[in-house]
Amino acid sequence: MPWSLPQSRQAELMDDPAIGEVDHLHALRALATINAVSRTAAGIASTVERILAANASGTDEPIVVDVACGGGDVTLDIVRRLRRRGLRRVRVLGVDISPRAVEQSRALAARSGIDATFEVRDVLADGCPPCAVAVSSLFLHHLDDAPAARLLGSMAAAARCGVAVSDLIRSRVGLTLAVVGTTFLSSSRVARVDGPLSVRAARTPDEYRGLCAAAGLRGAVIRRVWPERVMIEWHRDAAERMA
């Protein structure tokens, strides 16, 4: 098909543990800008609110875990938006494998005066911490199908109410947006290299459906959202009713 884009997963510069601190922090700031323009946190917060509302029983002071939280910008924006929606008892925990990213997240939380906790955790090795809702953004495309399915399964097993995941769609439109966005929204060399690589590594909506099926997320809803992204929404109660 003329608009299809073959999948190609290559190591991204941000995934290199040896990346220099200046480049890493610059790339995290670039990603924060892109997330803000893309309204990533808005979509996740709305989905979290819907999941909690549909699973109201036993959700006193629920915990939301943001898996692979990076620099914490999306995590903290989720907190802001949940507070505005009146969900003031929700506690939010961001986890990431990178100590530098977690340090950056904690510093951002301190500057912003937002109540959120961050900790270093390798979710692929140690699993997702117990929570009411497990969320993640822009992480699945870093993983091959088998570890991506294991991650989704871990998030579902840990989440009492449900899962919300935002990620890129692999398409030529998405690739164009990535090139234009990283060119005009940031001067980060890492972001400009990794942005197009991320789109090429991502999945189509049908492939995300297959991934959810492999992970056992029965009844997961995959919605196409702006700008060329998917939102995966899974409710435990709905899945158990279908079993």
Foldseek 3Di string as FASTA:
>chain_A
DVWAFAADADDALLNDLPRDPVLLVQLLVLVLLVCVVQVVLVVQLVLVVVLCVVVVPPQQLWEEEEEQCFQQSSQQVSQVVCVVVVNPSHAYEYEHQDPSSQVNNVVVCVVVVGHHHYDYDDCLVVADAATQEYEYEADLLNDDLVSSLVNLLRRQVRHNWWYKYKYAEQTPQQLVCQQVSCVPRHPRPSSNRVSNSSSSSDHHQVVVVVSCVSSVQPPWDWDQDPPRMIMTIGTPVVSVVVD
